[in-house]
Amino acid sequence: MENRRALPAFESVGRTVQTPRRQYCALWLLSVLAATCLGVTIFFAFNCSLEYHLSQKLTFEKPERSITFLNIMSHISMFVLAELVSSVFEKIRWALASSQIGTSALTFLVLGRATNLLGVLNLLLSRKLNVSAFWFGDGARIWGGQR
């Protein structure tokens, strides 16, 4: 009798699924941030390389400061790009896993954040895998090879 009373309480607990717009909001913001960082870095580097600068406000009097700023901006840009690529692979991984046909465990592991570069190389270069089926059987595995 007590089990029947407890059952409706478990059924009412749940989490609603967010809309795709809400799910990808952080990814879009990260994309805009990456594009902005890259744009600023590229324009600053281009502006500093010219004999007559397009914008005097984006140059420093000492070349050491320009190099330091360019170094910092390139590191920030690469960090944001790495996070963007990792987030996109994570979305692809879960989209493939939750689709009707699903995905293989190998693809799921290769696209995951928890698998580091050595783990990906180990999975890609394993002798137990059928290499032709690995590269041509599932397109998502090629994405893992690009990591």
Protein backbone atom coordinates (compact mmCIF):
# COMPACT_ATOMS: atom_id res chain seq x y z
CA MET A 1 0.00 0.00 0.00
CA GLU A 2 2.84 2.41 0.85
CA ASN A 3 4.56 1.72 -2.48
CA ARG A 4 1.50 2.89 -4.41
CA ARG A 5 1.41 6.15 -2.50
CA ALA A 6 5.11 6.83 -3.15
CA LEU A 7 4.86 6.11 -6.88
CA PRO A 8 3.00 9.27 -7.95
CA ALA A 9 5.58 11.42 -6.15
CA PHE A 10 8.35 9.93 -8.32
CA GLU A 11 6.37 10.42 -11.50
CA SER A 12 5.76 14.09 -10.85
CA VAL A 13 9.45 14.84 -10.40
CA GLY A 14 11.15 15.66 -13.67
CA ARG A 15 12.87 18.21 -15.75
CA THR A 16 11.40 19.92 -18.78
CA VAL A 17 13.39 19.94 -21.99
CA GLN A 18 14.67 23.33 -23.04
CA THR A 19 14.01 24.73 -26.48
CA PRO A 20 16.85 24.43 -29.03
CA ARG A 21 17.31 28.21 -28.91
CA ARG A 22 17.84 28.05 -25.16
CA GLN A 23 20.14 25.01 -25.42
CA TYR A 24 22.44 26.66 -27.95
CA CYS A 25 22.45 30.16 -26.43
CA ALA A 26 25.82 29.66 -24.70
CA LEU A 27 27.28 28.18 -27.87
CA TRP A 28 26.19 31.20 -29.91
CA LEU A 29 27.63 33.59 -27.33
CA LEU A 30 30.90 31.66 -27.40
CA SER A 31 30.91 31.88 -31.21
CA VAL A 32 30.42 35.64 -31.12
CA LEU A 33 33.17 35.99 -28.50
CA ALA A 34 35.54 33.87 -30.59
CA ALA A 35 34.82 35.88 -33.75
CA THR A 36 35.31 39.15 -31.86
CA CYS A 37 38.60 38.04 -30.30
CA LEU A 38 39.90 36.79 -33.63
CA GLY A 39 38.81 39.97 -35.42
CA VAL A 40 40.53 42.22 -32.88
CA THR A 41 43.69 40.11 -32.93
CA ILE A 42 43.89 40.01 -36.73
CA PHE A 43 43.18 43.72 -37.15
CA PHE A 44 45.71 44.65 -34.44
CA ALA A 45 48.40 42.49 -36.02
CA PHE A 46 47.62 43.88 -39.49
CA ASN A 47 47.57 47.47 -38.19
CA CYS A 48 50.91 47.05 -36.44
CA SER A 49 52.53 45.57 -39.54
CA LEU A 50 51.74 48.60 -41.71
CA GLU A 51 54.20 51.44 -42.17
CA TYR A 52 51.36 53.97 -41.84
CA HIS A 53 48.87 52.67 -39.28
CA LEU A 54 45.17 52.68 -40.08
CA SER A 55 44.34 53.48 -36.47
CA GLN A 56 46.80 55.28 -34.20
CA LYS A 57 44.69 54.36 -31.15
CA LEU A 58 45.45 50.67 -31.69
CA THR A 59 49.20 51.06 -31.58
CA PHE A 60 51.63 51.44 -28.73
CA GLU A 61 54.65 53.70 -28.66
CA LYS A 62 56.92 50.88 -27.56
CA PRO A 63 57.04 47.79 -29.81
CA GLU A 64 57.41 45.57 -26.74
CA ARG A 65 53.92 46.53 -25.61
CA SER A 66 52.48 45.78 -29.04
CA ILE A 67 54.09 42.36 -29.04
CA THR A 68 52.88 41.67 -25.49
CA PHE A 69 49.32 42.74 -26.36
CA LEU A 70 49.37 40.63 -29.52
CA ASN A 71 50.66 37.65 -27.55
CA ILE A 72 47.92 38.02 -24.92
CA MET A 73 45.18 38.43 -27.53
CA SER A 74 46.37 35.41 -29.52
CA HIS A 75 46.33 33.28 -26.36
CA ILE A 76 42.82 34.46 -25.48
CA SER A 77 41.67 33.79 -29.05
CA MET A 78 43.09 30.27 -29.05
CA PHE A 79 41.57 29.51 -25.65
CA VAL A 80 38.12 30.68 -26.77
CA LEU A 81 38.42 28.76 -30.05
CA ALA A 82 39.45 25.59 -28.24
CA GLU A 83 36.46 25.93 -25.92
CA LEU A 84 34.17 26.54 -28.90
CA VAL A 85 35.39 23.45 -30.74
CA SER A 86 35.10 21.35 -27.59
CA SER A 87 31.54 22.60 -27.01
CA VAL A 88 30.53 21.90 -30.60
CA PHE A 89 31.92 18.35 -30.39
CA GLU A 90 29.99 17.86 -27.15
CA LYS A 91 26.74 18.98 -28.81
CA ILE A 92 27.41 16.73 -31.82
CA ARG A 93 28.17 13.80 -29.54
CA TRP A 94 24.93 14.06 -27.63
CA ALA A 95 22.88 14.80 -30.77
CA LEU A 96 24.24 11.63 -32.39
CA ALA A 97 23.76 9.57 -29.24
CA SER A 98 20.13 10.64 -28.84
CA SER A 99 19.20 10.20 -32.51
CA GLN A 100 17.12 7.27 -33.77
CA ILE A 101 20.13 5.31 -35.08
CA GLY A 102 22.44 6.34 -32.24
CA THR A 103 26.20 6.24 -32.48
CA SER A 104 28.96 3.81 -31.71
CA ALA A 105 30.72 3.82 -28.36
CA LEU A 106 33.98 4.60 -30.12
CA THR A 107 32.56 7.77 -31.68
CA PHE A 108 30.98 8.74 -28.38
CA LEU A 109 34.34 8.39 -26.60
CA VAL A 110 36.38 10.12 -29.28
CA LEU A 111 34.10 13.18 -29.35
CA GLY A 112 33.94 13.52 -25.55
CA ARG A 113 35.69 16.19 -23.51
CA ALA A 114 36.97 13.65 -21.02
CA THR A 115 39.04 11.86 -23.66
CA ASN A 116 42.35 13.67 -23.93
CA LEU A 117 44.57 13.83 -27.00
CA LEU A 118 46.52 10.69 -26.09
CA GLY A 119 43.25 8.80 -25.56
CA VAL A 120 41.98 9.89 -28.96
CA LEU A 121 45.24 8.83 -30.62
CA ASN A 122 45.11 5.50 -28.82
CA LEU A 123 41.56 4.91 -30.05
CA LEU A 124 42.40 6.01 -33.60
CA LEU A 125 45.58 3.94 -33.88
CA SER A 126 44.34 0.79 -32.19
CA ARG A 127 45.20 -2.35 -34.17
CA LYS A 128 41.99 -4.07 -33.09
CA LEU A 129 39.89 -1.69 -35.19
CA ASN A 130 38.92 -2.31 -38.77
CA VAL A 131 40.59 0.76 -40.32
CA SER A 132 38.46 0.98 -43.46
CA ALA A 133 35.24 0.69 -41.46
CA PHE A 134 36.62 3.16 -38.96
CA TRP A 135 37.33 5.94 -41.45
CA PHE A 136 34.53 5.36 -43.92
CA GLY A 137 31.82 3.71 -41.84
CA ASP A 138 30.79 6.69 -39.75
CA GLY A 139 31.49 10.35 -40.63
CA ALA A 140 31.57 11.40 -36.98
CA ARG A 141 34.73 9.37 -36.46
CA ILE A 142 36.53 11.61 -38.90
CA TRP A 143 35.60 14.58 -36.70
CA GLY A 144 37.23 12.77 -33.81
CA GLY A 145 40.35 12.38 -35.93
CA GLN A 146 40.41 16.14 -36.38
CA ARG A 147 40.58 16.68 -32.63
